[in-house]
Amino acid sequence: MNIQAEKPLLEDHLLNNDYGSGLNAAVYGLNGDKKPEIVVANKNGVFHFGNILKWVSGL
């Protein structure tokens, strides 16, 4: 049996283009909904980008 997986679809999503240098980013589940969220820290502060998307099964 020869099973070939399709290539994953990756899309760019601009979160913010005003961070400058010294950027530290991490992905965590912060609020307990089991979805990853992005946390960014730099000289301007700490920023949290929540994940408001719904999980879709069968993809």
PDB file of N, CA and C in Angstrom:
ATOM      1  N   MET A   1       0.847  -1.163   0.000  1.00  0.00           N
ATOM      2  CA  MET A   1       0.000   0.000   0.000  1.00  0.00           C
ATOM      3  C   MET A   1       0.901   1.239   0.000  1.00  0.00           C
ATOM      4  N   ASN A   2       0.652   2.143  -0.910  1.00  0.00           N
ATOM      5  CA  ASN A   2       1.433   3.366  -1.011  1.00  0.00           C
ATOM      6  C   ASN A   2       0.543   4.551  -0.639  1.00  0.00           C
ATOM      7  N   ILE A   3       0.815   5.132   0.516  1.00  0.00           N
ATOM      8  CA  ILE A   3       0.030   6.271   0.982  1.00  0.00           C
ATOM      9  C   ILE A   3       0.939   7.497   0.995  1.00  0.00           C
ATOM     10  N   GLN A   4       0.521   8.539   0.287  1.00  0.00           N
ATOM     11  CA  GLN A   4       1.291   9.770   0.260  1.00  0.00           C
ATOM     12  C   GLN A   4       0.446  10.882   0.876  1.00  0.00           C
ATOM     13  N   ALA A   5       1.004  11.542   1.842  1.00  0.00           N
ATOM     14  CA  ALA A   5       0.301  12.647   2.487  1.00  0.00           C
ATOM     15  C   ALA A   5       0.428  13.896   1.634  1.00  0.00           C
ATOM     16  N   GLU A   6      -0.606  14.698   1.655  1.00  0.00           N
ATOM     17  CA  GLU A   6      -0.542  15.981   0.968  1.00  0.00           C
ATOM     18  C   GLU A   6       0.394  16.910   1.727  1.00  0.00           C
ATOM     19  N   LYS A   7       0.964  17.864   1.022  1.00  0.00           N
ATOM     20  CA  LYS A   7       1.830  18.837   1.671  1.00  0.00           C
ATOM     21  C   LYS A   7       0.996  19.719   2.592  1.00  0.00           C
ATOM     22  N   PRO A   8       1.535  20.053   3.756  1.00  0.00           N
ATOM     23  CA  PRO A   8       0.779  20.932   4.661  1.00  0.00           C
ATOM     24  C   PRO A   8       0.638  22.327   4.058  1.00  0.00           C
ATOM     25  N   LEU A   9      -0.476  22.964   4.348  1.00  0.00           N
ATOM     26  CA  LEU A   9      -0.729  24.312   3.881  1.00  0.00           C
ATOM     27  C   LEU A   9      -0.286  25.296   4.954  1.00  0.00           C
ATOM     28  N   LEU A  10       0.686  26.117   4.622  1.00  0.00           N
ATOM     29  CA  LEU A  10       1.191  27.117   5.553  1.00  0.00           C
ATOM     30  C   LEU A  10       0.881  28.497   5.003  1.00  0.00           C
ATOM     31  N   GLU A  11       0.292  29.329   5.833  1.00  0.00           N
ATOM     32  CA  GLU A  11      -0.038  30.684   5.415  1.00  0.00           C
ATOM     33  C   GLU A  11       0.606  31.680   6.376  1.00  0.00           C
ATOM     34  N   ASP A  12       1.107  32.785   5.839  1.00  0.00           N
ATOM     35  CA  ASP A  12       1.635  33.864   6.667  1.00  0.00           C
ATOM     36  C   ASP A  12       0.489  34.686   7.227  1.00  0.00           C
ATOM     37  N   HIS A  13       0.615  35.069   8.484  1.00  0.00           N
ATOM     38  CA  HIS A  13      -0.361  35.946   9.124  1.00  0.00           C
ATOM     39  C   HIS A  13       0.409  37.031   9.868  1.00  0.00           C
ATOM     40  N   LEU A  14       0.252  38.267   9.444  1.00  0.00           N
ATOM     41  CA  LEU A  14       0.938  39.377  10.083  1.00  0.00           C
ATOM     42  C   LEU A  14       0.233  39.735  11.380  1.00  0.00           C
ATOM     43  N   LEU A  15       0.958  39.648  12.488  1.00  0.00           N
ATOM     44  CA  LEU A  15       0.398  40.017  13.786  1.00  0.00           C
ATOM     45  C   LEU A  15       0.631  41.488  14.079  1.00  0.00           C
ATOM     46  N   ASN A  16       1.843  41.947  13.818  1.00  0.00           N
ATOM     47  CA  ASN A  16       2.192  43.338  14.065  1.00  0.00           C
ATOM     48  C   ASN A  16       3.518  43.598  13.373  1.00  0.00           C
ATOM     49  N   ASN A  17       3.656  44.721  12.708  1.00  0.00           N
ATOM     50  CA  ASN A  17       4.916  45.013  12.021  1.00  0.00           C
ATOM     51  C   ASN A  17       5.685  46.154  12.682  1.00  0.00           C
ATOM     52  N   ASP A  18       5.433  46.419  13.969  1.00  0.00           N
ATOM     53  CA  ASP A  18       6.058  47.537  14.658  1.00  0.00           C
ATOM     54  C   ASP A  18       6.808  47.092  15.920  1.00  0.00           C
ATOM     55  N   TYR A  19       7.476  45.939  15.880  1.00  0.00           N
ATOM     56  CA  TYR A  19       8.162  45.446  17.068  1.00  0.00           C
ATOM     57  C   TYR A  19       9.609  45.886  17.153  1.00  0.00           C
ATOM     58  N   GLY A  20      10.268  46.031  16.037  1.00  0.00           N
ATOM     59  CA  GLY A  20      11.671  46.424  16.066  1.00  0.00           C
ATOM     60  C   GLY A  20      12.566  45.244  16.409  1.00  0.00           C
ATOM     61  N   SER A  21      13.761  45.548  16.902  1.00  0.00           N
ATOM     62  CA  SER A  21      14.732  44.488  17.202  1.00  0.00           C
ATOM     63  C   SER A  21      14.577  44.006  18.644  1.00  0.00           C
ATOM     64  N   GLY A  22      15.274  42.930  18.971  1.00  0.00           N
ATOM     65  CA  GLY A  22      15.227  42.385  20.323  1.00  0.00           C
ATOM     66  C   GLY A  22      13.945  41.646  20.609  1.00  0.00           C
ATOM     67  N   LEU A  23      13.414  40.980  19.619  1.00  0.00           N
ATOM     68  CA  LEU A  23      12.127  40.295  19.738  1.00  0.00           C
ATOM     69  C   LEU A  23      12.300  38.898  20.324  1.00  0.00           C
ATOM     70  N   ASN A  24      11.505  38.565  21.339  1.00  0.00           N
ATOM     71  CA  ASN A  24      11.433  37.217  21.899  1.00  0.00           C
ATOM     72  C   ASN A  24       9.993  36.745  21.764  1.00  0.00           C
ATOM     73  N   ALA A  25       9.808  35.590  21.178  1.00  0.00           N
ATOM     74  CA  ALA A  25       8.451  35.083  20.962  1.00  0.00           C
ATOM     75  C   ALA A  25       8.354  33.646  21.456  1.00  0.00           C
ATOM     76  N   ALA A  26       7.171  33.274  21.941  1.00  0.00           N
ATOM     77  CA  ALA A  26       6.918  31.914  22.414  1.00  0.00           C
ATOM     78  C   ALA A  26       5.453  31.579  22.146  1.00  0.00           C
ATOM     79  N   VAL A  27       5.174  30.302  22.055  1.00  0.00           N
ATOM     80  CA  VAL A  27       3.806  29.825  21.866  1.00  0.00           C
ATOM     81  C   VAL A  27       3.435  28.979  23.076  1.00  0.00           C
ATOM     82  N   TYR A  28       2.370  29.362  23.755  1.00  0.00           N
ATOM     83  CA  TYR A  28       1.916  28.680  24.964  1.00  0.00           C
ATOM     84  C   TYR A  28       0.401  28.591  24.958  1.00  0.00           C
ATOM     85  N   GLY A  29      -0.141  27.688  25.755  1.00  0.00           N
ATOM     86  CA  GLY A  29      -1.560  27.683  26.058  1.00  0.00           C
ATOM     87  C   GLY A  29      -1.749  28.373  27.395  1.00  0.00           C
ATOM     88  N   LEU A  30      -2.185  29.600  27.380  1.00  0.00           N
ATOM     89  CA  LEU A  30      -2.238  30.399  28.608  1.00  0.00           C
ATOM     90  C   LEU A  30      -3.569  30.357  29.327  1.00  0.00           C
ATOM     91  N   ASN A  31      -4.667  30.226  28.592  1.00  0.00           N
ATOM     92  CA  ASN A  31      -5.963  30.399  29.246  1.00  0.00           C
ATOM     93  C   ASN A  31      -6.728  29.096  29.474  1.00  0.00           C
ATOM     94  N   GLY A  32      -6.096  27.962  29.245  1.00  0.00           N
ATOM     95  CA  GLY A  32      -6.718  26.684  29.555  1.00  0.00           C
ATOM     96  C   GLY A  32      -7.665  26.125  28.511  1.00  0.00           C
ATOM     97  N   ASP A  33      -7.761  26.759  27.331  1.00  0.00           N
ATOM     98  CA  ASP A  33      -8.671  26.249  26.303  1.00  0.00           C
ATOM     99  C   ASP A  33      -8.003  25.245  25.365  1.00  0.00           C
ATOM    100  N   LYS A  34      -6.758  24.871  25.656  1.00  0.00           N
ATOM    101  CA  LYS A  34      -5.979  23.889  24.903  1.00  0.00           C
ATOM    102  C   LYS A  34      -5.660  24.345  23.484  1.00  0.00           C
ATOM    103  N   LYS A  35      -5.692  25.643  23.230  1.00  0.00           N
ATOM    104  CA  LYS A  35      -5.287  26.195  21.943  1.00  0.00           C
ATOM    105  C   LYS A  35      -4.034  27.048  22.163  1.00  0.00           C
ATOM    106  N   PRO A  36      -3.080  26.977  21.241  1.00  0.00           N
ATOM    107  CA  PRO A  36      -1.843  27.752  21.419  1.00  0.00           C
ATOM    108  C   PRO A  36      -2.090  29.244  21.224  1.00  0.00           C
ATOM    109  N   GLU A  37      -1.370  30.033  22.017  1.00  0.00           N
ATOM    110  CA  GLU A  37      -1.415  31.481  21.908  1.00  0.00           C
ATOM    111  C   GLU A  37       0.012  31.997  21.805  1.00  0.00           C
ATOM    112  N   ILE A  38       0.190  33.159  21.215  1.00  0.00           N
ATOM    113  CA  ILE A  38       1.516  33.705  20.982  1.00  0.00           C
ATOM    114  C   ILE A  38       1.790  34.809  21.999  1.00  0.00           C
ATOM    115  N   VAL A  39       2.970  34.744  22.614  1.00  0.00           N
ATOM    116  CA  VAL A  39       3.417  35.773  23.546  1.00  0.00           C
ATOM    117  C   VAL A  39       4.714  36.358  22.990  1.00  0.00           C
ATOM    118  N   VAL A  40       4.759  37.681  22.889  1.00  0.00           N
ATOM    119  CA  VAL A  40       5.918  38.373  22.346  1.00  0.00           C
ATOM    120  C   VAL A  40       6.405  39.388  23.370  1.00  0.00           C
ATOM    121  N   ALA A  41       7.716  39.419  23.588  1.00  0.00           N
ATOM    122  CA  ALA A  41       8.302  40.400  24.509  1.00  0.00           C
ATOM    123  C   ALA A  41       9.472  41.088  23.822  1.00  0.00           C
ATOM    124  N   ASN A  42       9.555  42.396  24.021  1.00  0.00           N
ATOM    125  CA  ASN A  42      10.679  43.171  23.523  1.00  0.00           C
ATOM    126  C   ASN A  42      10.816  44.434  24.359  1.00  0.00           C
ATOM    127  N   LYS A  43      11.588  45.387  23.909  1.00  0.00           N
ATOM    128  CA  LYS A  43      11.821  46.604  24.693  1.00  0.00           C
ATOM    129  C   LYS A  43      10.555  47.450  24.856  1.00  0.00           C
ATOM    130  N   ASN A  44       9.546  47.201  24.038  1.00  0.00           N
ATOM    131  CA  ASN A  44       8.295  47.957  24.131  1.00  0.00           C
ATOM    132  C   ASN A  44       7.282  47.335  25.082  1.00  0.00           C
ATOM    133  N   GLY A  45       7.537  46.116  25.558  1.00  0.00           N
ATOM    134  CA  GLY A  45       6.624  45.475  26.494  1.00  0.00           C
ATOM    135  C   GLY A  45       6.363  44.018  26.150  1.00  0.00           C
ATOM    136  N   VAL A  46       5.331  43.454  26.757  1.00  0.00           N
ATOM    137  CA  VAL A  46       4.921  42.070  26.538  1.00  0.00           C
ATOM    138  C   VAL A  46       3.547  42.091  25.881  1.00  0.00           C
ATOM    139  N   PHE A  47       3.385  41.301  24.820  1.00  0.00           N
ATOM    140  CA  PHE A  47       2.149  41.292  24.056  1.00  0.00           C
ATOM    141  C   PHE A  47       1.614  39.873  23.954  1.00  0.00           C
ATOM    142  N   HIS A  48       0.321  39.725  24.110  1.00  0.00           N
ATOM    143  CA  HIS A  48      -0.348  38.424  24.062  1.00  0.00           C
ATOM    144  C   HIS A  48      -1.323  38.421  22.896  1.00  0.00           C
ATOM    145  N   PHE A  49      -1.196  37.428  22.026  1.00  0.00           N
ATOM    146  CA  PHE A  49      -2.108  37.261  20.902  1.00  0.00           C
ATOM    147  C   PHE A  49      -2.905  35.988  21.154  1.00  0.00           C
ATOM    148  N   GLY A  50      -4.144  36.140  21.550  1.00  0.00           N
ATOM    149  CA  GLY A  50      -4.997  34.999  21.857  1.00  0.00           C
ATOM    150  C   GLY A  50      -5.461  34.286  20.604  1.00  0.00           C
ATOM    151  N   ASN A  51      -5.729  33.020  20.743  1.00  0.00           N
ATOM    152  CA  ASN A  51      -6.208  32.196  19.640  1.00  0.00           C
ATOM    153  C   ASN A  51      -7.729  32.091  19.753  1.00  0.00           C
ATOM    154  N   ILE A  52      -8.440  32.762  18.864  1.00  0.00           N
ATOM    155  CA  ILE A  52      -9.906  32.764  18.931  1.00  0.00           C
ATOM    156  C   ILE A  52     -10.531  31.855  17.885  1.00  0.00           C
ATOM    157  N   LEU A  53      -9.702  31.101  17.169  1.00  0.00           N
ATOM    158  CA  LEU A  53     -10.217  30.201  16.147  1.00  0.00           C
ATOM    159  C   LEU A  53     -10.814  28.956  16.767  1.00  0.00           C
ATOM    160  N   LYS A  54     -11.754  28.352  16.065  1.00  0.00           N
ATOM    161  CA  LYS A  54     -12.347  27.092  16.513  1.00  0.00           C
ATOM    162  C   LYS A  54     -11.629  25.943  15.831  1.00  0.00           C
ATOM    163  N   TRP A  55     -11.464  24.842  16.565  1.00  0.00           N
ATOM    164  CA  TRP A  55     -10.863  23.648  15.984  1.00  0.00           C
ATOM    165  C   TRP A  55     -11.837  23.037  15.002  1.00  0.00           C
ATOM    166  N   VAL A  56     -11.340  22.568  13.878  1.00  0.00           N
ATOM    167  CA  VAL A  56     -12.158  21.925  12.852  1.00  0.00           C
ATOM    168  C   VAL A  56     -11.665  20.497  12.706  1.00  0.00           C
ATOM    169  N   SER A  57     -12.546  19.548  12.876  1.00  0.00           N
ATOM    170  CA  SER A  57     -12.138  18.143  12.748  1.00  0.00           C
ATOM    171  C   SER A  57     -12.269  17.704  11.289  1.00  0.00           C
ATOM    172  N   GLY A  58     -11.528  16.689  10.945  1.00  0.00           N
ATOM    173  CA  GLY A  58     -11.624  16.105   9.621  1.00  0.00           C
ATOM    174  C   GLY A  58     -10.736  16.750   8.578  1.00  0.00           C
ATOM    175  N   LEU A  59      -9.808  17.608   8.984  1.00  0.00           N
ATOM    176  CA  LEU A  59      -8.899  18.207   8.005  1.00  0.00           C
ATOM    177  C   LEU A  59      -7.685  17.372   7.824  1.00  0.00           C
TER     178      LEU A  59
END
